[in-house]
């Protein structure tokens, strides 16, 4: 029984490694990254921290992002 479980886990590991491979031009599918569609992060003018939600800065008293 331990042998069967070991072979199953090794098989799943091999499948996971093949799933992570990035072949150049893999199967003709276009590869788009998620980062290409995201807007650039904004910074607070007063304190310089990144503002994710937009609007007034939560970290300083009066900075607008």
PDB file of N, CA and C in Angstrom:
ATOM      1  N   UNK A   1       0.821  -1.192   0.000  1.00  0.00           N
ATOM      2  CA  UNK A   1       0.000   0.000   0.000  1.00  0.00           C
ATOM      3  C   UNK A   1       0.872   1.266   0.000  1.00  0.00           C
ATOM      4  N   UNK A   2       1.957   1.237   0.740  1.00  0.00           N
ATOM      5  CA  UNK A   2       2.861   2.375   0.794  1.00  0.00           C
ATOM      6  C   UNK A   2       3.493   2.608  -0.574  1.00  0.00           C
ATOM      7  N   UNK A   3       3.769   1.512  -1.301  1.00  0.00           N
ATOM      8  CA  UNK A   3       4.342   1.629  -2.639  1.00  0.00           C
ATOM      9  C   UNK A   3       3.378   2.329  -3.585  1.00  0.00           C
ATOM     10  N   UNK A   4       2.116   1.988  -3.532  1.00  0.00           N
ATOM     11  CA  UNK A   4       1.106   2.592  -4.409  1.00  0.00           C
ATOM     12  C   UNK A   4       0.991   4.089  -4.119  1.00  0.00           C
ATOM     13  N   UNK A   5       0.943   4.454  -2.861  1.00  0.00           N
ATOM     14  CA  UNK A   5       0.836   5.865  -2.487  1.00  0.00           C
ATOM     15  C   UNK A   5       2.088   6.624  -2.922  1.00  0.00           C
ATOM     16  N   UNK A   6       3.259   6.020  -2.771  1.00  0.00           N
ATOM     17  CA  UNK A   6       4.499   6.663  -3.189  1.00  0.00           C
ATOM     18  C   UNK A   6       4.511   6.898  -4.693  1.00  0.00           C
ATOM     19  N   UNK A   7       4.140   5.882  -5.481  1.00  0.00           N
ATOM     20  CA  UNK A   7       4.096   6.053  -6.934  1.00  0.00           C
ATOM     21  C   UNK A   7       3.070   7.097  -7.348  1.00  0.00           C
ATOM     22  N   UNK A   8       1.937   7.141  -6.663  1.00  0.00           N
ATOM     23  CA  UNK A   8       0.913   8.141  -6.967  1.00  0.00           C
ATOM     24  C   UNK A   8       1.460   9.550  -6.711  1.00  0.00           C
ATOM     25  N   UNK A   9       2.117   9.746  -5.590  1.00  0.00           N
ATOM     26  CA  UNK A   9       2.655  11.066  -5.267  1.00  0.00           C
ATOM     27  C   UNK A   9       3.775  11.471  -6.224  1.00  0.00           C
ATOM     28  N   UNK A  10       4.610  10.525  -6.618  1.00  0.00           N
ATOM     29  CA  UNK A  10       5.665  10.826  -7.588  1.00  0.00           C
ATOM     30  C   UNK A  10       5.044  11.184  -8.934  1.00  0.00           C
ATOM     31  N   UNK A  11       4.004  10.461  -9.340  1.00  0.00           N
ATOM     32  CA  UNK A  11       3.304  10.772 -10.589  1.00  0.00           C
ATOM     33  C   UNK A  11       2.679  12.156 -10.559  1.00  0.00           C
ATOM     34  N   UNK A  12       2.078  12.525  -9.456  1.00  0.00           N
ATOM     35  CA  UNK A  12       1.487  13.859  -9.337  1.00  0.00           C
ATOM     36  C   UNK A  12       2.575  14.935  -9.377  1.00  0.00           C
ATOM     37  N   UNK A  13       3.710  14.678  -8.783  1.00  0.00           N
ATOM     38  CA  UNK A  13       4.831  15.616  -8.810  1.00  0.00           C
ATOM     39  C   UNK A  13       5.336  15.820 -10.243  1.00  0.00           C
ATOM     40  N   UNK A  14       5.444  14.733 -11.000  1.00  0.00           N
ATOM     41  CA  UNK A  14       5.895  14.839 -12.393  1.00  0.00           C
ATOM     42  C   UNK A  14       4.876  15.617 -13.215  1.00  0.00           C
ATOM     43  N   UNK A  15       3.601  15.363 -13.041  1.00  0.00           N
ATOM     44  CA  UNK A  15       2.569  16.115 -13.766  1.00  0.00           C
ATOM     45  C   UNK A  15       2.597  17.597 -13.401  1.00  0.00           C
ATOM     46  N   UNK A  16       2.832  17.917 -12.146  1.00  0.00           N
ATOM     47  CA  UNK A  16       2.901  19.312 -11.728  1.00  0.00           C
ATOM     48  C   UNK A  16       4.106  20.010 -12.351  1.00  0.00           C
ATOM     49  N   UNK A  17       5.223  19.307 -12.451  1.00  0.00           N
ATOM     50  CA  UNK A  17       6.405  19.918 -13.067  1.00  0.00           C
ATOM     51  C   UNK A  17       6.180  20.155 -14.558  1.00  0.00           C
ATOM     52  N   UNK A  18       5.539  19.224 -15.252  1.00  0.00           N
ATOM     53  CA  UNK A  18       5.243  19.435 -16.666  1.00  0.00           C
ATOM     54  C   UNK A  18       4.235  20.557 -16.860  1.00  0.00           C
ATOM     55  N   UNK A  19       3.324  20.734 -15.940  1.00  0.00           N
ATOM     56  CA  UNK A  19       2.348  21.798 -16.039  1.00  0.00           C
ATOM     57  C   UNK A  19       2.956  23.174 -15.873  1.00  0.00           C
ATOM     58  N   UNK A  20       4.089  23.263 -15.183  1.00  0.00           N
ATOM     59  CA  UNK A  20       4.745  24.549 -14.970  1.00  0.00           C
ATOM     60  C   UNK A  20       5.717  24.915 -16.080  1.00  0.00           C
ATOM     61  N   UNK A  21       6.009  23.987 -16.964  1.00  0.00           N
ATOM     62  CA  UNK A  21       6.952  24.284 -18.040  1.00  0.00           C
ATOM     63  C   UNK A  21       6.351  25.309 -18.987  1.00  0.00           C
ATOM     64  N   UNK A  22       7.181  26.193 -19.455  1.00  0.00           N
ATOM     65  CA  UNK A  22       6.754  27.215 -20.410  1.00  0.00           C
ATOM     66  C   UNK A  22       7.491  26.954 -21.716  1.00  0.00           C
ATOM     67  N   UNK A  23       6.824  26.293 -22.661  1.00  0.00           N
ATOM     68  CA  UNK A  23       7.439  26.039 -23.953  1.00  0.00           C
ATOM     69  C   UNK A  23       7.299  27.277 -24.824  1.00  0.00           C
ATOM     70  N   UNK A  24       8.341  27.638 -25.587  1.00  0.00           N
ATOM     71  CA  UNK A  24       8.231  28.782 -26.494  1.00  0.00           C
ATOM     72  C   UNK A  24       7.177  28.510 -27.565  1.00  0.00           C
ATOM     73  N   UNK A  25       6.169  29.373 -27.648  1.00  0.00           N
ATOM     74  CA  UNK A  25       5.099  29.169 -28.622  1.00  0.00           C
ATOM     75  C   UNK A  25       4.231  27.978 -28.282  1.00  0.00           C
ATOM     76  N   UNK A  26       4.061  27.687 -27.030  1.00  0.00           N
ATOM     77  CA  UNK A  26       3.365  26.490 -26.581  1.00  0.00           C
ATOM     78  C   UNK A  26       1.959  26.334 -27.126  1.00  0.00           C
ATOM     79  N   UNK A  27       1.777  25.400 -28.037  1.00  0.00           N
ATOM     80  CA  UNK A  27       0.486  24.999 -28.614  1.00  0.00           C
ATOM     81  C   UNK A  27      -0.235  26.141 -29.314  1.00  0.00           C
ATOM     82  N   UNK A  28       0.481  27.173 -29.701  1.00  0.00           N
ATOM     83  CA  UNK A  28      -0.132  28.260 -30.447  1.00  0.00           C
ATOM     84  C   UNK A  28      -1.040  29.160 -29.633  1.00  0.00           C
ATOM     85  N   UNK A  29      -1.008  29.040 -28.330  1.00  0.00           N
ATOM     86  CA  UNK A  29      -1.866  29.864 -27.489  1.00  0.00           C
ATOM     87  C   UNK A  29      -1.167  31.180 -27.157  1.00  0.00           C
ATOM     88  N   UNK A  30      -1.882  32.297 -27.238  1.00  0.00           N
ATOM     89  CA  UNK A  30      -1.247  33.564 -26.864  1.00  0.00           C
ATOM     90  C   UNK A  30      -1.029  33.627 -25.367  1.00  0.00           C
ATOM     91  N   UNK A  31       0.167  34.056 -24.973  1.00  0.00           N
ATOM     92  CA  UNK A  31       0.467  34.173 -23.542  1.00  0.00           C
ATOM     93  C   UNK A  31       0.376  35.625 -23.145  1.00  0.00           C
ATOM     94  N   UNK A  32      -0.542  35.919 -22.258  1.00  0.00           N
ATOM     95  CA  UNK A  32      -0.688  37.267 -21.723  1.00  0.00           C
ATOM     96  C   UNK A  32      -0.416  37.210 -20.232  1.00  0.00           C
ATOM     97  N   UNK A  33       0.290  38.198 -19.761  1.00  0.00           N
ATOM     98  CA  UNK A  33       0.540  38.258 -18.328  1.00  0.00           C
ATOM     99  C   UNK A  33      -0.523  39.114 -17.671  1.00  0.00           C
ATOM    100  N   UNK A  34      -0.776  38.844 -16.431  1.00  0.00           N
ATOM    101  CA  UNK A  34      -1.766  39.611 -15.690  1.00  0.00           C
ATOM    102  C   UNK A  34      -1.282  41.033 -15.438  1.00  0.00           C
ATOM    103  N   UNK A  35       0.034  41.220 -15.373  1.00  0.00           N
ATOM    104  CA  UNK A  35       0.582  42.533 -15.073  1.00  0.00           C
ATOM    105  C   UNK A  35       0.389  43.505 -16.231  1.00  0.00           C
ATOM    106  N   UNK A  36       0.249  42.992 -17.451  1.00  0.00           N
ATOM    107  CA  UNK A  36       0.124  43.878 -18.605  1.00  0.00           C
ATOM    108  C   UNK A  36      -1.189  44.659 -18.560  1.00  0.00           C
ATOM    109  N   UNK A  37      -2.197  44.117 -17.918  1.00  0.00           N
ATOM    110  CA  UNK A  37      -3.504  44.755 -17.883  1.00  0.00           C
ATOM    111  C   UNK A  37      -3.724  45.625 -16.651  1.00  0.00           C
ATOM    112  N   UNK A  38      -2.799  45.595 -15.706  1.00  0.00           N
ATOM    113  CA  UNK A  38      -2.974  46.350 -14.474  1.00  0.00           C
ATOM    114  C   UNK A  38      -2.454  47.774 -14.640  1.00  0.00           C
ATOM    115  N   UNK A  39      -3.130  48.756 -14.023  1.00  0.00           N
ATOM    116  CA  UNK A  39      -2.606  50.127 -14.086  1.00  0.00           C
ATOM    117  C   UNK A  39      -1.392  50.272 -13.174  1.00  0.00           C
ATOM    118  N   UNK A  40      -0.592  51.306 -13.437  1.00  0.00           N
ATOM    119  CA  UNK A  40       0.569  51.572 -12.593  1.00  0.00           C
ATOM    120  C   UNK A  40       0.102  52.033 -11.217  1.00  0.00           C
ATOM    121  N   UNK A  41       0.783  51.620 -10.164  1.00  0.00           N
ATOM    122  CA  UNK A  41       0.394  52.064  -8.826  1.00  0.00           C
ATOM    123  C   UNK A  41       0.681  53.551  -8.644  1.00  0.00           C
ATOM    124  N   UNK A  42      -0.166  54.214  -7.873  1.00  0.00           N
ATOM    125  CA  UNK A  42       0.024  55.639  -7.612  1.00  0.00           C
ATOM    126  C   UNK A  42       0.681  55.811  -6.247  1.00  0.00           C
ATOM    127  N   UNK A  43       1.366  56.944  -6.096  1.00  0.00           N
ATOM    128  CA  UNK A  43       2.026  57.255  -4.835  1.00  0.00           C
ATOM    129  C   UNK A  43       1.444  58.520  -4.253  1.00  0.00           C
ATOM    130  N   UNK A  44       1.452  58.613  -2.948  1.00  0.00           N
ATOM    131  CA  UNK A  44       1.016  59.815  -2.258  1.00  0.00           C
ATOM    132  C   UNK A  44       2.061  60.900  -2.485  1.00  0.00           C
ATOM    133  N   UNK A  45       1.604  62.092  -2.812  1.00  0.00           N
ATOM    134  CA  UNK A  45       2.525  63.199  -3.074  1.00  0.00           C
ATOM    135  C   UNK A  45       3.221  63.674  -1.804  1.00  0.00           C
ATOM    136  N   UNK A  46       2.567  63.533  -0.644  1.00  0.00           N
ATOM    137  CA  UNK A  46       3.139  64.038   0.604  1.00  0.00           C
ATOM    138  C   UNK A  46       4.120  63.053   1.242  1.00  0.00           C
ATOM    139  N   UNK A  47       3.720  61.797   1.385  1.00  0.00           N
ATOM    140  CA  UNK A  47       4.571  60.858   2.116  1.00  0.00           C
ATOM    141  C   UNK A  47       5.276  59.847   1.210  1.00  0.00           C
ATOM    142  N   UNK A  48       4.809  59.670  -0.014  1.00  0.00           N
ATOM    143  CA  UNK A  48       5.471  58.780  -0.951  1.00  0.00           C
ATOM    144  C   UNK A  48       5.081  57.318  -0.850  1.00  0.00           C
ATOM    145  N   UNK A  49       4.107  56.990  -0.012  1.00  0.00           N
ATOM    146  CA  UNK A  49       3.684  55.603   0.098  1.00  0.00           C
ATOM    147  C   UNK A  49       2.731  55.266  -1.044  1.00  0.00           C
ATOM    148  N   UNK A  50       2.698  53.991  -1.423  1.00  0.00           N
ATOM    149  CA  UNK A  50       1.799  53.550  -2.485  1.00  0.00           C
ATOM    150  C   UNK A  50       0.362  53.580  -2.000  1.00  0.00           C
ATOM    151  N   UNK A  51      -0.533  54.032  -2.838  1.00  0.00           N
ATOM    152  CA  UNK A  51      -1.955  54.089  -2.520  1.00  0.00           C
ATOM    153  C   UNK A  51      -2.683  53.143  -3.467  1.00  0.00           C
ATOM    154  N   UNK A  52      -3.244  52.091  -2.909  1.00  0.00           N
ATOM    155  CA  UNK A  52      -3.890  51.067  -3.703  1.00  0.00           C
ATOM    156  C   UNK A  52      -5.327  51.447  -4.032  1.00  0.00           C
ATOM    157  N   UNK A  53      -6.041  52.004  -3.086  1.00  0.00           N
ATOM    158  CA  UNK A  53      -7.467  52.243  -3.265  1.00  0.00           C
ATOM    159  C   UNK A  53      -7.775  53.537  -3.986  1.00  0.00           C
ATOM    160  N   UNK A  54      -6.846  54.470  -4.073  1.00  0.00           N
ATOM    161  CA  UNK A  54      -7.099  55.773  -4.676  1.00  0.00           C
ATOM    162  C   UNK A  54      -7.740  56.706  -3.660  1.00  0.00           C
ATOM    163  N   UNK A  55      -7.880  57.960  -4.016  1.00  0.00           N
ATOM    164  CA  UNK A  55      -8.465  58.921  -3.100  1.00  0.00           C
ATOM    165  C   UNK A  55      -7.428  59.466  -2.140  1.00  0.00           C
ATOM    166  N   UNK A  56      -7.877  59.895  -0.958  1.00  0.00           N
ATOM    167  CA  UNK A  56      -6.978  60.502   0.028  1.00  0.00           C
ATOM    168  C   UNK A  56      -6.080  59.445   0.647  1.00  0.00           C
ATOM    169  N   UNK A  57      -4.884  59.858   1.002  1.00  0.00           N
ATOM    170  CA  UNK A  57      -3.913  58.950   1.610  1.00  0.00           C
ATOM    171  C   UNK A  57      -4.333  58.647   3.039  1.00  0.00           C
ATOM    172  N   UNK A  58      -4.289  57.393   3.410  1.00  0.00           N
ATOM    173  CA  UNK A  58      -4.662  56.992   4.758  1.00  0.00           C
ATOM    174  C   UNK A  58      -3.507  57.126   5.744  1.00  0.00           C
ATOM    175  N   UNK A  59      -2.274  57.271   5.225  1.00  0.00           N
ATOM    176  CA  UNK A  59      -1.106  57.251   6.084  1.00  0.00           C
ATOM    177  C   UNK A  59      -0.656  58.646   6.543  1.00  0.00           C
ATOM    178  N   UNK A  60      -0.984  59.662   5.782  1.00  0.00           N
ATOM    179  CA  UNK A  60      -0.555  61.002   6.183  1.00  0.00           C
ATOM    180  C   UNK A  60      -1.770  61.925   6.255  1.00  0.00           C
ATOM    181  N   UNK A  61      -1.537  63.130   6.651  1.00  0.00           N
ATOM    182  CA  UNK A  61      -2.669  64.014   6.944  1.00  0.00           C
ATOM    183  C   UNK A  61      -3.366  64.589   5.718  1.00  0.00           C
ATOM    184  N   UNK A  62      -2.621  64.984   4.682  1.00  0.00           N
ATOM    185  CA  UNK A  62      -3.334  65.686   3.626  1.00  0.00           C
ATOM    186  C   UNK A  62      -2.962  65.319   2.213  1.00  0.00           C
ATOM    187  N   UNK A  63      -2.187  64.286   1.996  1.00  0.00           N
ATOM    188  CA  UNK A  63      -1.753  63.980   0.643  1.00  0.00           C
ATOM    189  C   UNK A  63      -2.848  63.368  -0.205  1.00  0.00           C
ATOM    190  N   UNK A  64      -2.876  63.743  -1.433  1.00  0.00           N
ATOM    191  CA  UNK A  64      -3.790  63.144  -2.395  1.00  0.00           C
ATOM    192  C   UNK A  64      -2.978  62.259  -3.330  1.00  0.00           C
ATOM    193  N   UNK A  65      -3.546  61.117  -3.699  1.00  0.00           N
ATOM    194  CA  UNK A  65      -2.816  60.237  -4.608  1.00  0.00           C
ATOM    195  C   UNK A  65      -3.179  60.514  -6.036  1.00  0.00           C
TER     196      UNK A  65
END
